[in-house]
Amino acid sequence: MRVHEYNGKKNTFSDDWGERMWLSEPERYECQNMFEQYAGRELSEVIAELHGVRSDGKTLIAQPHTNKDGKMWTLDDIKALNCVFSDPVDAL
């Protein structure tokens, strides 16, 4: 993996073609990725913000029906996972 910094932001590349395209016009690719946009935010908050819940405001929309008791996942179940977004590029 290769890293270039532009306007105070680190950009990573795993292939020569992507790196060459970026080097020719780095300003064209200035935008936030998912990790930058939600860094420090908890996953259940992001799911709710992106309308990933049913009309009750707590049950997740997309999920498999594998439980025999019919219990569906809620935002509380996701919150219990304590999954917080972090930008992996910050560690470089």
C-alpha atoms as a PDB file:
ATOM      1  CA  MET A   1       0.000   0.000   0.000  1.00  0.00           C
ATOM      2  CA  ARG A   2       1.210   3.474  -0.849  1.00  0.00           C
ATOM      3  CA  VAL A   3       0.239   6.705   0.926  1.00  0.00           C
ATOM      4  CA  HIS A   4       0.286  10.260  -0.448  1.00  0.00           C
ATOM      5  CA  GLU A   5      -0.704  13.382   1.442  1.00  0.00           C
ATOM      6  CA  TYR A   6      -2.615  16.193  -0.249  1.00  0.00           C
ATOM      7  CA  ASN A   7      -4.158  19.240   1.472  1.00  0.00           C
ATOM      8  CA  GLY A   8      -3.448  17.698   4.872  1.00  0.00           C
ATOM      9  CA  LYS A   9      -5.323  14.483   4.061  1.00  0.00           C
ATOM     10  CA  LYS A  10      -3.737  11.047   3.615  1.00  0.00           C
ATOM     11  CA  ASN A  11      -4.740   9.059   0.544  1.00  0.00           C
ATOM     12  CA  THR A  12      -3.946   5.362   0.173  1.00  0.00           C
ATOM     13  CA  PHE A  13      -3.503   3.256  -2.948  1.00  0.00           C
ATOM     14  CA  SER A  14      -3.205  -0.466  -3.495  1.00  0.00           C
ATOM     15  CA  ASP A  15      -2.574  -0.445  -7.250  1.00  0.00           C
ATOM     16  CA  ASP A  16      -0.464   1.489  -9.743  1.00  0.00           C
ATOM     17  CA  TRP A  17      -3.389   2.513 -11.947  1.00  0.00           C
ATOM     18  CA  GLY A  18      -5.354   4.174  -9.119  1.00  0.00           C
ATOM     19  CA  GLU A  19      -2.238   5.928  -7.896  1.00  0.00           C
ATOM     20  CA  ARG A  20      -1.414   7.242 -11.395  1.00  0.00           C
ATOM     21  CA  MET A  21      -4.975   8.521 -11.877  1.00  0.00           C
ATOM     22  CA  TRP A  22      -4.895  10.282  -8.518  1.00  0.00           C
ATOM     23  CA  LEU A  23      -1.445  11.796  -9.119  1.00  0.00           C
ATOM     24  CA  SER A  24      -2.638  13.318 -12.403  1.00  0.00           C
ATOM     25  CA  GLU A  25      -5.564  15.171 -10.740  1.00  0.00           C
ATOM     26  CA  PRO A  26      -5.575  14.851  -6.928  1.00  0.00           C
ATOM     27  CA  GLU A  27      -8.085  17.697  -6.506  1.00  0.00           C
ATOM     28  CA  ARG A  28     -10.633  15.696  -8.496  1.00  0.00           C
ATOM     29  CA  TYR A  29     -10.757  13.048  -5.786  1.00  0.00           C
ATOM     30  CA  GLU A  30     -11.154  15.284  -2.734  1.00  0.00           C
ATOM     31  CA  CYS A  31     -14.126  13.884  -0.861  1.00  0.00           C
ATOM     32  CA  GLN A  32     -14.823  12.102   2.395  1.00  0.00           C
ATOM     33  CA  ASN A  33     -14.913   8.351   2.524  1.00  0.00           C
ATOM     34  CA  MET A  34     -17.201   6.466   4.907  1.00  0.00           C
ATOM     35  CA  PHE A  35     -14.539   6.140   7.603  1.00  0.00           C
ATOM     36  CA  GLU A  36     -13.738   9.862   7.559  1.00  0.00           C
ATOM     37  CA  GLN A  37     -17.400  10.853   7.521  1.00  0.00           C
ATOM     38  CA  TYR A  38     -18.399   8.721  10.510  1.00  0.00           C
ATOM     39  CA  ALA A  39     -15.146   8.643  12.532  1.00  0.00           C
ATOM     40  CA  GLY A  40     -15.875   8.544  16.239  1.00  0.00           C
ATOM     41  CA  ARG A  41     -19.562   7.725  15.723  1.00  0.00           C
ATOM     42  CA  GLU A  42     -21.253   4.602  17.074  1.00  0.00           C
ATOM     43  CA  LEU A  43     -22.722   2.195  14.479  1.00  0.00           C
ATOM     44  CA  SER A  44     -26.302   2.277  15.799  1.00  0.00           C
ATOM     45  CA  GLU A  45     -26.343   6.102  15.456  1.00  0.00           C
ATOM     46  CA  VAL A  46     -25.180   5.858  11.852  1.00  0.00           C
ATOM     47  CA  ILE A  47     -27.790   3.193  11.001  1.00  0.00           C
ATOM     48  CA  ALA A  48     -30.563   5.382  12.441  1.00  0.00           C
ATOM     49  CA  GLU A  49     -29.261   8.485  10.630  1.00  0.00           C
ATOM     50  CA  LEU A  50     -29.206   6.599   7.313  1.00  0.00           C
ATOM     51  CA  HIS A  51     -32.814   5.417   7.808  1.00  0.00           C
ATOM     52  CA  GLY A  52     -31.884   1.772   8.341  1.00  0.00           C
ATOM     53  CA  VAL A  53     -34.768   1.172  10.735  1.00  0.00           C
ATOM     54  CA  ARG A  54     -38.431   0.289  10.301  1.00  0.00           C
ATOM     55  CA  SER A  55     -41.308   2.636  11.057  1.00  0.00           C
ATOM     56  CA  ASP A  56     -41.117   1.796  14.792  1.00  0.00           C
ATOM     57  CA  GLY A  57     -37.774   3.651  14.855  1.00  0.00           C
ATOM     58  CA  LYS A  58     -35.807   0.827  16.450  1.00  0.00           C
ATOM     59  CA  THR A  59     -36.058  -2.451  14.469  1.00  0.00           C
ATOM     60  CA  LEU A  60     -33.466  -2.857  11.706  1.00  0.00           C
ATOM     61  CA  ILE A  61     -34.809  -3.055   8.149  1.00  0.00           C
ATOM     62  CA  ALA A  62     -32.621  -5.688   6.497  1.00  0.00           C
ATOM     63  CA  GLN A  63     -31.915  -8.828   8.496  1.00  0.00           C
ATOM     64  CA  PRO A  64     -32.238 -12.572   8.184  1.00  0.00           C
ATOM     65  CA  HIS A  65     -35.100 -14.407   9.873  1.00  0.00           C
ATOM     66  CA  THR A  66     -33.070 -17.171  11.497  1.00  0.00           C
ATOM     67  CA  ASN A  67     -34.355 -17.019  15.068  1.00  0.00           C
ATOM     68  CA  LYS A  68     -37.139 -19.493  15.838  1.00  0.00           C
ATOM     69  CA  ASP A  69     -38.660 -17.044  18.315  1.00  0.00           C
ATOM     70  CA  GLY A  70     -39.016 -14.405  15.575  1.00  0.00           C
ATOM     71  CA  LYS A  71     -37.027 -11.782  17.511  1.00  0.00           C
ATOM     72  CA  MET A  72     -35.560  -9.221  15.160  1.00  0.00           C
ATOM     73  CA  TRP A  73     -32.470  -7.084  15.750  1.00  0.00           C
ATOM     74  CA  THR A  74     -32.918  -3.567  17.058  1.00  0.00           C
ATOM     75  CA  LEU A  75     -30.701  -0.535  17.442  1.00  0.00           C
ATOM     76  CA  ASP A  76     -30.177  -1.575  21.082  1.00  0.00           C
ATOM     77  CA  ASP A  77     -28.676  -4.889  19.899  1.00  0.00           C
ATOM     78  CA  ILE A  78     -26.256  -3.007  17.635  1.00  0.00           C
ATOM     79  CA  LYS A  79     -25.419  -0.509  20.372  1.00  0.00           C
ATOM     80  CA  ALA A  80     -24.491  -3.412  22.684  1.00  0.00           C
ATOM     81  CA  LEU A  81     -21.754  -4.364  20.195  1.00  0.00           C
ATOM     82  CA  ASN A  82     -20.011  -1.029  20.950  1.00  0.00           C
ATOM     83  CA  CYS A  83     -18.817  -0.665  17.356  1.00  0.00           C
ATOM     84  CA  VAL A  84     -17.324   2.789  16.765  1.00  0.00           C
ATOM     85  CA  PHE A  85     -16.081   3.936  13.363  1.00  0.00           C
ATOM     86  CA  SER A  86     -12.432   4.906  13.092  1.00  0.00           C
ATOM     87  CA  ASP A  87     -10.435   5.886  10.044  1.00  0.00           C
ATOM     88  CA  PRO A  88      -7.766   3.200   9.473  1.00  0.00           C
ATOM     89  CA  VAL A  89      -5.611   5.703   7.559  1.00  0.00           C
ATOM     90  CA  ASP A  90      -5.164   7.742  10.757  1.00  0.00           C
ATOM     91  CA  ALA A  91      -3.033   4.904  12.137  1.00  0.00           C
ATOM     92  CA  LEU A  92      -0.504   5.264   9.302  1.00  0.00           C
END
